Amino acid sequence: MGDFKKMEQAYKASSKILEKRMAKERPMDLEILQKVKDSSIIIVAGSYDRVETVLDMIKVPYVLIQPEEVSQIELTPDQILIINCPGNIYDDALTKVKDFVKRGGFLFTTDWALLNILEKIFPELVKYNQRPTGDDCVAVQVVDKSNKFLEGLFKADEEPIWWLESSSYPIEIIDKKNVKVLVTSKEMEQKYGEAPIVISFNFGDGGTVLHMTSHYYLQRAELRTERHKMSAKEYVQSEMAFSDAEAEEIKKDLDGLTLGEAESAYSTTQFISNVIIEQQKNIKKRKEKNKEN
């Protein structure tokens, strides 16, 4: 089975792992995820990434628009705007996106959107370091394990592996005080000059920007260690604490998958789920605060 087919299977399995695990460990968060409305998430289509595929698998609704349509739609502060790589939108749309974040919106971007969107909108905060990566994998370190965006992502003591697309864009942070690094990589820094993998910063009236190097939907995984070569079934039982019966229920989905493949797909699936859950919670808090005032 080719890398693409294996990762497609891994993502389908990850959606089932996610639902089972969250039902057991975070039932209230799962309920929030399941109540998301279509209009809460706007996805801008890309030619290199497709977060919508992941959302389809975890049954979270969204509205998908083309890059040229960003100029025409109305964005409200209680939405999440996800812009798939490469992030080629018109200049007037850039102004609209900046205003959306300034008013409290949540912007989530990947890879080339660093240059095409973030560097243009927030030139004083971040930029692309002009040293594109190869088609590569790097070991990563979690800077803040208590961060809600990263909850449930990385269980093992061993460093997770992050896949870099061919020509991924390393993140150079200009404003180190206001840009927070959530996931970093010593190996990334050694090879390509900059360590940050996932960053976040606030802007305006409660707005948030989250950006990651590489893509939401990964095309392959790298099996570097003996742990990565273990079976996906062992992964859900040893690191997700699934019982024999729970693992048996998704046995067909895990069949033939390695731990490394399952972990890569699960980590991005859980990551995007966490982002949506936290944004929904923040919207609720904001509405309650407005009622009090």
Protein backbone atom coordinates (compact mmCIF):
# COMPACT_ATOMS: atom_id res chain seq x y z
CA MET A 1 0.00 0.00 0.00
CA GLY A 2 1.42 3.42 -0.95
CA ASP A 3 2.14 6.23 1.53
CA PHE A 4 -0.93 8.22 0.45
CA LYS A 5 -3.34 5.27 0.85
CA LYS A 6 -1.80 4.33 4.21
CA MET A 7 -2.23 7.90 5.53
CA GLU A 8 -5.80 8.03 4.21
CA GLN A 9 -6.51 4.89 6.23
CA ALA A 10 -4.67 6.38 9.22
CA TYR A 11 -6.86 9.50 9.16
CA LYS A 12 -10.04 7.45 8.99
CA ALA A 13 -8.83 5.42 11.96
CA SER A 14 -7.78 8.56 13.83
CA SER A 15 -11.30 9.97 13.67
CA LYS A 16 -12.60 6.85 15.46
CA ILE A 17 -9.76 6.93 18.00
CA LEU A 18 -10.53 10.60 18.67
CA GLU A 19 -14.24 10.02 19.28
CA LYS A 20 -13.69 7.03 21.55
CA ARG A 21 -10.92 8.68 23.54
CA MET A 22 -12.72 12.00 24.00
CA ALA A 23 -15.97 10.27 24.97
CA LYS A 24 -14.03 8.65 27.78
CA GLU A 25 -11.65 11.44 28.84
CA ARG A 26 -13.28 14.71 27.68
CA PRO A 27 -17.03 14.09 27.14
CA MET A 28 -17.99 17.78 27.54
CA ASP A 29 -15.40 18.84 24.95
CA LEU A 30 -16.67 16.17 22.55
CA GLU A 31 -20.20 17.54 22.99
CA ILE A 32 -18.94 21.04 22.08
CA LEU A 33 -17.25 19.63 18.96
CA GLN A 34 -20.42 17.82 17.91
CA LYS A 35 -22.54 20.97 18.23
CA VAL A 36 -20.48 23.15 15.88
CA LYS A 37 -22.63 24.92 13.27
CA ASP A 38 -21.76 25.17 9.58
CA SER A 39 -21.23 28.91 9.78
CA SER A 40 -18.73 28.68 12.67
CA ILE A 41 -15.86 27.48 10.47
CA ILE A 42 -14.91 29.05 7.15
CA ILE A 43 -12.26 27.19 5.15
CA VAL A 44 -10.42 28.78 2.24
CA ALA A 45 -9.56 26.05 -0.28
CA GLY A 46 -5.92 25.44 -1.10
CA SER A 47 -4.00 23.51 -3.72
CA TYR A 48 -1.52 21.94 -1.27
CA ASP A 49 -3.49 21.30 1.91
CA ARG A 50 -7.05 20.24 2.74
CA VAL A 51 -8.10 20.49 6.37
CA GLU A 52 -11.68 19.96 5.16
CA THR A 53 -10.83 16.27 4.64
CA VAL A 54 -9.99 15.93 8.33
CA LEU A 55 -13.18 17.77 9.37
CA ASP A 56 -15.26 15.51 7.12
CA MET A 57 -13.87 12.48 8.93
CA ILE A 58 -14.65 13.83 12.39
CA LYS A 59 -18.06 15.04 11.16
CA VAL A 60 -17.53 18.74 11.92
CA PRO A 61 -19.41 21.02 9.48
CA TYR A 62 -17.84 23.99 7.70
CA VAL A 63 -18.28 26.34 4.80
CA LEU A 64 -15.70 25.91 2.01
CA ILE A 65 -14.91 28.94 -0.16
CA GLN A 66 -12.40 29.68 -2.91
CA PRO A 67 -9.53 32.16 -2.34
CA GLU A 68 -11.14 34.79 -4.61
CA GLU A 69 -14.32 34.66 -2.50
CA VAL A 70 -12.66 35.91 0.71
CA SER A 71 -13.16 39.49 -0.52
CA GLN A 72 -16.92 38.93 -0.86
CA ILE A 73 -17.95 37.12 2.32
CA GLU A 74 -18.83 38.63 5.67
CA LEU A 75 -16.63 37.48 8.55
CA THR A 76 -17.75 37.73 12.17
CA PRO A 77 -15.57 37.57 15.33
CA ASP A 78 -17.17 34.32 16.49
CA GLN A 79 -15.85 32.38 13.49
CA ILE A 80 -12.71 30.38 12.80
CA LEU A 81 -11.11 31.20 9.45
CA ILE A 82 -8.86 28.40 8.21
CA ILE A 83 -6.71 29.17 5.20
CA ASN A 84 -5.18 26.18 3.46
CA CYS A 85 -1.69 26.42 1.96
CA PRO A 86 -0.64 28.28 -0.23
CA GLY A 87 -2.95 31.07 0.98
CA ASN A 88 -3.11 33.11 -2.21
CA ILE A 89 -5.83 35.69 -1.57
CA TYR A 90 -6.34 39.19 -3.03
CA ASP A 91 -4.83 42.26 -1.35
CA ASP A 92 -8.25 43.64 -0.36
CA ALA A 93 -8.97 40.28 1.30
CA LEU A 94 -5.79 40.63 3.36
CA THR A 95 -7.17 43.85 4.85
CA LYS A 96 -10.45 42.05 5.60
CA VAL A 97 -8.66 39.15 7.30
CA LYS A 98 -6.60 41.51 9.47
CA ASP A 99 -9.76 43.37 10.51
CA PHE A 100 -11.45 40.03 11.28
CA VAL A 101 -8.65 39.07 13.69
CA LYS A 102 -8.53 42.57 15.17
CA ARG A 103 -12.25 42.30 16.04
CA GLY A 104 -11.73 38.99 17.86
CA GLY A 105 -11.67 36.39 15.09
CA PHE A 106 -9.56 33.24 15.02
CA LEU A 107 -7.19 32.74 12.06
CA PHE A 108 -5.57 29.34 11.49
CA THR A 109 -2.96 29.02 8.70
CA THR A 110 -0.34 26.60 7.42
CA ASP A 111 2.98 26.63 5.62
CA TRP A 112 3.18 29.05 2.63
CA ALA A 113 0.47 31.22 4.20
CA LEU A 114 3.34 32.43 6.41
CA LEU A 115 4.67 34.42 3.44
CA ASN A 116 1.44 34.96 1.51
CA ILE A 117 -0.71 36.10 4.45
CA LEU A 118 0.97 36.52 7.85
CA GLU A 119 4.09 38.33 6.66
CA LYS A 120 1.90 40.76 4.70
CA ILE A 121 -0.61 41.37 7.52
CA PHE A 122 1.72 41.18 10.53
CA PRO A 123 5.19 42.16 9.20
CA GLU A 124 6.29 43.26 12.66
CA LEU A 125 5.65 39.82 14.17
CA VAL A 126 6.74 36.96 11.87
CA LYS A 127 8.30 36.25 8.49
CA TYR A 128 9.55 33.45 6.24
CA ASN A 129 13.31 32.97 6.58
CA GLN A 130 13.79 32.24 2.85
CA ARG A 131 15.24 28.75 3.47
CA PRO A 132 12.64 26.22 2.22
CA THR A 133 12.83 22.69 3.59
CA GLY A 134 13.19 19.47 1.68
CA ASP A 135 10.60 16.67 1.77
CA ASP A 136 11.72 15.79 5.26
CA CYS A 137 10.75 14.75 8.77
CA VAL A 138 12.07 16.30 11.99
CA ALA A 139 11.81 15.41 15.66
CA VAL A 140 9.82 18.02 17.58
CA GLN A 141 9.62 19.16 21.19
CA VAL A 142 6.46 20.43 22.87
CA VAL A 143 7.21 23.75 24.60
CA ASP A 144 3.98 24.06 26.56
CA LYS A 145 2.27 20.74 27.29
CA SER A 146 -0.43 22.54 29.31
CA ASN A 147 -1.56 24.52 26.25
CA LYS A 148 -5.18 23.64 25.43
CA PHE A 149 -4.45 23.46 21.69
CA LEU A 150 -2.06 20.58 22.38
CA GLU A 151 -4.18 18.61 24.85
CA GLY A 152 -3.99 14.88 24.23
CA LEU A 153 -1.57 15.15 21.30
CA PHE A 154 1.69 13.74 22.58
CA LYS A 155 1.68 10.99 25.18
CA ALA A 156 5.01 9.22 24.81
CA ASP A 157 8.30 10.39 26.32
CA GLU A 158 9.88 9.90 22.91
CA GLU A 159 10.01 12.98 20.66
CA PRO A 160 7.21 12.99 18.06
CA ILE A 161 8.10 13.19 14.36
CA TRP A 162 6.73 16.09 12.28
CA TRP A 163 6.55 15.74 8.54
CA LEU A 164 7.67 18.73 6.45
CA GLU A 165 6.22 19.08 2.99
CA SER A 166 8.70 19.63 0.18
CA SER A 167 9.45 23.38 0.40
CA SER A 168 7.83 24.02 3.76
CA TYR A 169 8.53 27.54 5.07
CA PRO A 170 10.48 27.90 8.35
CA ILE A 171 9.10 30.57 10.71
CA GLU A 172 11.31 33.46 11.75
CA ILE A 173 9.90 35.26 14.78
CA ILE A 174 10.55 39.00 14.85
CA ASP A 175 8.56 39.86 17.98
CA LYS A 176 9.72 37.20 20.45
CA LYS A 177 7.80 38.84 23.29
CA ASN A 178 4.34 38.54 21.73
CA VAL A 179 4.65 35.45 19.52
CA LYS A 180 4.38 32.24 21.52
CA VAL A 181 6.05 29.03 20.33
CA LEU A 182 3.94 25.95 21.14
CA VAL A 183 5.97 23.28 19.31
CA THR A 184 9.62 23.64 18.39
CA SER A 185 12.36 21.51 16.78
CA LYS A 186 16.10 21.52 17.39
CA GLU A 187 16.50 19.42 14.26
CA MET A 188 14.50 21.96 12.21
CA GLU A 189 16.78 24.74 13.44
CA GLN A 190 19.94 22.77 12.60
CA LYS A 191 18.75 21.93 9.09
CA TYR A 192 16.79 25.04 8.08
CA GLY A 193 17.76 27.88 10.42
CA GLU A 194 14.61 28.30 12.52
CA ALA A 195 13.16 26.08 15.27
CA PRO A 196 9.43 27.04 15.58
CA ILE A 197 6.91 24.51 14.24
CA VAL A 198 3.64 25.79 15.74
CA ILE A 199 3.21 29.41 16.85
CA SER A 200 0.39 31.54 18.21
CA PHE A 201 -0.17 35.22 18.94
CA ASN A 202 -3.00 37.52 19.97
CA PHE A 203 -4.00 40.62 18.06
CA GLY A 204 -6.53 43.38 18.56
CA ASP A 205 -9.65 42.79 20.63
CA GLY A 206 -9.18 39.16 21.62
CA GLY A 207 -8.20 37.90 18.18
CA THR A 208 -5.90 34.88 17.81
CA VAL A 209 -3.60 33.67 15.06
CA LEU A 210 -2.32 30.09 14.99
CA HIS A 211 0.18 28.95 12.38
CA MET A 212 2.00 25.71 11.74
CA THR A 213 4.79 24.63 9.41
CA SER A 214 3.72 21.86 7.00
CA HIS A 215 0.10 20.77 6.50
CA TYR A 216 -2.92 19.60 8.48
CA TYR A 217 -3.43 16.64 6.18
CA LEU A 218 -0.16 14.68 6.04
CA GLN A 219 0.76 12.55 3.05
CA ARG A 220 3.13 10.17 4.86
CA ALA A 221 4.86 9.37 8.15
CA GLU A 222 8.47 8.46 8.93
CA LEU A 223 9.19 5.38 11.01
CA ARG A 224 12.47 6.27 12.71
CA THR A 225 12.44 4.11 15.81
CA GLU A 226 11.30 0.69 16.95
CA ARG A 227 8.39 2.39 18.73
CA HIS A 228 7.18 3.94 15.44
CA LYS A 229 7.27 0.51 13.79
CA MET A 230 4.99 -1.02 16.42
CA SER A 231 1.39 -1.72 15.42
CA ALA A 232 -1.34 0.92 15.62
CA LYS A 233 -3.27 -1.44 17.88
CA GLU A 234 -0.41 -1.34 20.39
CA TYR A 235 -0.52 2.47 20.14
CA VAL A 236 -4.18 2.76 21.15
CA GLN A 237 -3.77 0.21 23.93
CA SER A 238 -0.49 1.37 25.46
CA GLU A 239 -0.65 5.14 24.91
CA MET A 240 -4.38 5.82 24.54
CA ALA A 241 -5.29 3.35 27.32
CA PHE A 242 -7.91 1.59 25.17
CA SER A 243 -9.13 -1.70 26.58
CA ASP A 244 -8.89 -4.92 24.55
CA ALA A 245 -12.59 -4.58 23.73
CA GLU A 246 -12.25 -0.93 22.61
CA ALA A 247 -9.24 -1.75 20.43
CA GLU A 248 -11.10 -4.72 18.96
CA GLU A 249 -13.99 -2.43 17.87
CA ILE A 250 -11.66 -0.53 15.53
CA LYS A 251 -9.39 -3.45 14.66
CA LYS A 252 -10.28 -3.34 10.94
CA ASP A 253 -9.51 0.38 10.78
CA LEU A 254 -6.08 -0.17 12.36
CA ASP A 255 -5.20 -3.29 10.37
CA GLY A 256 -1.81 -2.91 8.66
CA LEU A 257 -1.09 0.51 10.16
CA THR A 258 2.02 1.24 12.21
CA LEU A 259 2.13 3.29 15.39
CA GLY A 260 3.98 6.07 13.53
CA GLU A 261 1.27 6.38 10.88
CA ALA A 262 -1.55 6.33 13.42
CA GLU A 263 0.22 8.85 15.66
CA SER A 264 0.89 11.29 12.79
CA ALA A 265 -2.74 11.25 11.68
CA TYR A 266 -4.14 11.33 15.21
CA SER A 267 -1.99 14.27 16.32
CA THR A 268 -3.24 16.55 13.52
CA THR A 269 -6.84 15.34 13.97
CA GLN A 270 -6.72 16.05 17.71
CA PHE A 271 -4.97 19.38 17.11
CA ILE A 272 -7.65 20.79 14.80
CA SER A 273 -10.36 19.45 17.14
CA ASN A 274 -8.75 21.22 20.11
CA VAL A 275 -8.60 24.49 18.19
CA ILE A 276 -12.32 24.32 17.38
CA ILE A 277 -13.27 23.37 20.95
CA GLU A 278 -11.23 26.20 22.50
CA GLN A 279 -12.65 28.76 20.09
CA GLN A 280 -16.20 27.64 20.89
CA LYS A 281 -15.46 27.98 24.62
CA ASN A 282 -13.99 31.46 24.12
CA ILE A 283 -17.05 32.57 22.15
CA LYS A 284 -19.29 31.39 25.00
CA LYS A 285 -17.19 33.27 27.56
CA ARG A 286 -17.25 36.41 25.43
CA LYS A 287 -21.04 36.28 25.10
CA GLU A 288 -21.47 35.76 28.85
CA LYS A 289 -19.14 38.70 29.54
CA ASN A 290 -21.11 40.93 27.16
CA LYS A 291 -24.36 39.98 28.93
CA GLU A 292 -22.86 40.99 32.29
CA ASN A 293 -21.80 44.35 30.85
